[in-house]
């Protein structure tokens, strides 16, 4: 019996390995977690030091988060892969393989 043809929408992800996907996903979670704390820590620190009179506290926190995110994105190279189509389609390809291909 022949194997079913791979859908064209999933063909882009056929060369992704499970290890590559897990590494990129974990680095992406780590990147966004650190970015969140880079946004909130300066905002809360400035709020506690200066008081509620400074309206730009949120803007300073967002600016710190954006700058920190851009710097960390250079360090976590695999995290940037999660925004590519091949990584976004990989979970669907994994499900398709589980449904249509026989188990080894």
C-alpha atoms as a PDB file:
ATOM      1  CA  UNK A   1       0.000   0.000   0.000  1.00  0.00           C
ATOM      2  CA  UNK A   2       1.405   3.387  -0.936  1.00  0.00           C
ATOM      3  CA  UNK A   3       1.838   6.213   1.521  1.00  0.00           C
ATOM      4  CA  UNK A   4      -0.521   9.199   1.235  1.00  0.00           C
ATOM      5  CA  UNK A   5       0.885  12.288  -0.425  1.00  0.00           C
ATOM      6  CA  UNK A   6       2.108  15.041   1.841  1.00  0.00           C
ATOM      7  CA  UNK A   7      -0.108  18.166   1.581  1.00  0.00           C
ATOM      8  CA  UNK A   8       1.630  21.102  -0.050  1.00  0.00           C
ATOM      9  CA  UNK A   9       0.895  23.331   2.935  1.00  0.00           C
ATOM     10  CA  UNK A  10       2.970  21.009   5.150  1.00  0.00           C
ATOM     11  CA  UNK A  11       5.798  20.347   2.686  1.00  0.00           C
ATOM     12  CA  UNK A  12       7.678  23.389   3.919  1.00  0.00           C
ATOM     13  CA  UNK A  13       8.211  21.715   7.305  1.00  0.00           C
ATOM     14  CA  UNK A  14       9.338  18.299   6.116  1.00  0.00           C
ATOM     15  CA  UNK A  15      13.027  18.884   6.974  1.00  0.00           C
ATOM     16  CA  UNK A  16      12.445  20.157  10.537  1.00  0.00           C
ATOM     17  CA  UNK A  17      13.710  17.812  13.225  1.00  0.00           C
ATOM     18  CA  UNK A  18      12.055  17.347  16.600  1.00  0.00           C
ATOM     19  CA  UNK A  19      15.236  18.496  18.364  1.00  0.00           C
ATOM     20  CA  UNK A  20      15.450  21.678  16.291  1.00  0.00           C
ATOM     21  CA  UNK A  21      11.795  22.471  16.991  1.00  0.00           C
ATOM     22  CA  UNK A  22      12.122  21.891  20.744  1.00  0.00           C
ATOM     23  CA  UNK A  23      15.292  23.994  20.983  1.00  0.00           C
ATOM     24  CA  UNK A  24      13.704  26.874  19.051  1.00  0.00           C
ATOM     25  CA  UNK A  25      10.490  26.686  21.073  1.00  0.00           C
ATOM     26  CA  UNK A  26      12.279  26.642  24.441  1.00  0.00           C
ATOM     27  CA  UNK A  27      14.511  29.542  23.455  1.00  0.00           C
ATOM     28  CA  UNK A  28      11.470  31.459  22.253  1.00  0.00           C
ATOM     29  CA  UNK A  29       9.704  30.963  25.604  1.00  0.00           C
ATOM     30  CA  UNK A  30      12.847  32.004  27.446  1.00  0.00           C
ATOM     31  CA  UNK A  31      13.268  35.077  25.247  1.00  0.00           C
ATOM     32  CA  UNK A  32       9.709  36.281  25.808  1.00  0.00           C
ATOM     33  CA  UNK A  33       9.857  35.519  29.542  1.00  0.00           C
ATOM     34  CA  UNK A  34      13.001  37.594  29.971  1.00  0.00           C
ATOM     35  CA  UNK A  35      11.494  40.342  27.826  1.00  0.00           C
ATOM     36  CA  UNK A  36       8.427  40.435  30.072  1.00  0.00           C
ATOM     37  CA  UNK A  37      10.583  40.885  33.151  1.00  0.00           C
ATOM     38  CA  UNK A  38      12.698  43.504  31.385  1.00  0.00           C
ATOM     39  CA  UNK A  39       9.475  45.456  30.795  1.00  0.00           C
ATOM     40  CA  UNK A  40       7.922  45.124  34.225  1.00  0.00           C
ATOM     41  CA  UNK A  41      10.979  45.381  36.479  1.00  0.00           C
ATOM     42  CA  UNK A  42      12.075  48.874  35.338  1.00  0.00           C
ATOM     43  CA  UNK A  43       8.491  50.116  35.318  1.00  0.00           C
ATOM     44  CA  UNK A  44       7.829  48.886  38.862  1.00  0.00           C
ATOM     45  CA  UNK A  45      11.219  50.095  40.087  1.00  0.00           C
ATOM     46  CA  UNK A  46      10.684  53.587  38.738  1.00  0.00           C
ATOM     47  CA  UNK A  47       7.137  53.583  40.081  1.00  0.00           C
ATOM     48  CA  UNK A  48       8.384  52.693  43.571  1.00  0.00           C
ATOM     49  CA  UNK A  49      11.284  55.156  43.515  1.00  0.00           C
ATOM     50  CA  UNK A  50       9.584  58.164  41.965  1.00  0.00           C
ATOM     51  CA  UNK A  51       5.997  57.519  42.858  1.00  0.00           C
ATOM     52  CA  UNK A  52       2.805  57.535  40.852  1.00  0.00           C
ATOM     53  CA  UNK A  53       3.437  61.073  39.588  1.00  0.00           C
ATOM     54  CA  UNK A  54       5.570  59.905  36.677  1.00  0.00           C
ATOM     55  CA  UNK A  55       3.250  59.070  33.801  1.00  0.00           C
ATOM     56  CA  UNK A  56       6.041  57.847  31.539  1.00  0.00           C
ATOM     57  CA  UNK A  57       6.784  54.868  33.775  1.00  0.00           C
ATOM     58  CA  UNK A  58       4.999  52.465  31.457  1.00  0.00           C
ATOM     59  CA  UNK A  59       6.744  53.917  28.416  1.00  0.00           C
ATOM     60  CA  UNK A  60      10.151  53.480  30.061  1.00  0.00           C
ATOM     61  CA  UNK A  61       9.320  49.868  30.863  1.00  0.00           C
ATOM     62  CA  UNK A  62       8.207  49.198  27.306  1.00  0.00           C
ATOM     63  CA  UNK A  63      11.348  50.861  25.913  1.00  0.00           C
ATOM     64  CA  UNK A  64      13.553  48.760  28.203  1.00  0.00           C
ATOM     65  CA  UNK A  65      11.704  45.631  27.119  1.00  0.00           C
ATOM     66  CA  UNK A  66      12.035  46.389  23.408  1.00  0.00           C
ATOM     67  CA  UNK A  67      15.745  47.160  23.658  1.00  0.00           C
ATOM     68  CA  UNK A  68      16.347  44.103  25.815  1.00  0.00           C
ATOM     69  CA  UNK A  69      14.343  41.925  23.434  1.00  0.00           C
ATOM     70  CA  UNK A  70      16.387  43.064  20.439  1.00  0.00           C
ATOM     71  CA  UNK A  71      19.645  42.412  22.283  1.00  0.00           C
ATOM     72  CA  UNK A  72      18.541  38.989  23.528  1.00  0.00           C
ATOM     73  CA  UNK A  73      17.286  38.018  20.085  1.00  0.00           C
ATOM     74  CA  UNK A  74      20.879  38.236  18.874  1.00  0.00           C
ATOM     75  CA  UNK A  75      21.923  35.864  21.667  1.00  0.00           C
ATOM     76  CA  UNK A  76      19.080  33.354  21.244  1.00  0.00           C
ATOM     77  CA  UNK A  77      19.477  32.694  17.512  1.00  0.00           C
ATOM     78  CA  UNK A  78      17.126  29.701  17.454  1.00  0.00           C
ATOM     79  CA  UNK A  79      14.270  31.691  18.976  1.00  0.00           C
ATOM     80  CA  UNK A  80      13.999  33.720  15.785  1.00  0.00           C
ATOM     81  CA  UNK A  81      13.276  30.509  13.873  1.00  0.00           C
ATOM     82  CA  UNK A  82       9.868  30.225  15.550  1.00  0.00           C
ATOM     83  CA  UNK A  83       8.575  33.069  13.402  1.00  0.00           C
ATOM     84  CA  UNK A  84       9.310  31.154  10.192  1.00  0.00           C
ATOM     85  CA  UNK A  85       6.614  29.247   8.337  1.00  0.00           C
ATOM     86  CA  UNK A  86       8.503  25.948   8.529  1.00  0.00           C
ATOM     87  CA  UNK A  87       8.470  26.018  12.340  1.00  0.00           C
ATOM     88  CA  UNK A  88       4.856  27.157  12.490  1.00  0.00           C
ATOM     89  CA  UNK A  89       3.734  24.281  10.247  1.00  0.00           C
ATOM     90  CA  UNK A  90       5.766  21.597  12.035  1.00  0.00           C
ATOM     91  CA  UNK A  91       3.165  20.778  14.743  1.00  0.00           C
ATOM     92  CA  UNK A  92       0.562  20.264  12.005  1.00  0.00           C
ATOM     93  CA  UNK A  93       2.986  18.029  10.095  1.00  0.00           C
ATOM     94  CA  UNK A  94       3.616  15.987  13.226  1.00  0.00           C
ATOM     95  CA  UNK A  95      -0.141  15.458  13.680  1.00  0.00           C
ATOM     96  CA  UNK A  96      -0.566  14.580  10.003  1.00  0.00           C
ATOM     97  CA  UNK A  97       2.212  11.990  10.221  1.00  0.00           C
ATOM     98  CA  UNK A  98       0.672  10.471  13.330  1.00  0.00           C
ATOM     99  CA  UNK A  99      -2.707  10.087  11.574  1.00  0.00           C
ATOM    100  CA  UNK A 100      -1.633   9.007   8.087  1.00  0.00           C
ATOM    101  CA  UNK A 101       1.657   7.163   8.336  1.00  0.00           C
ATOM    102  CA  UNK A 102       2.081   3.758   9.949  1.00  0.00           C
ATOM    103  CA  UNK A 103       4.007   3.551  13.200  1.00  0.00           C
ATOM    104  CA  UNK A 104       7.563   2.227  12.868  1.00  0.00           C
END
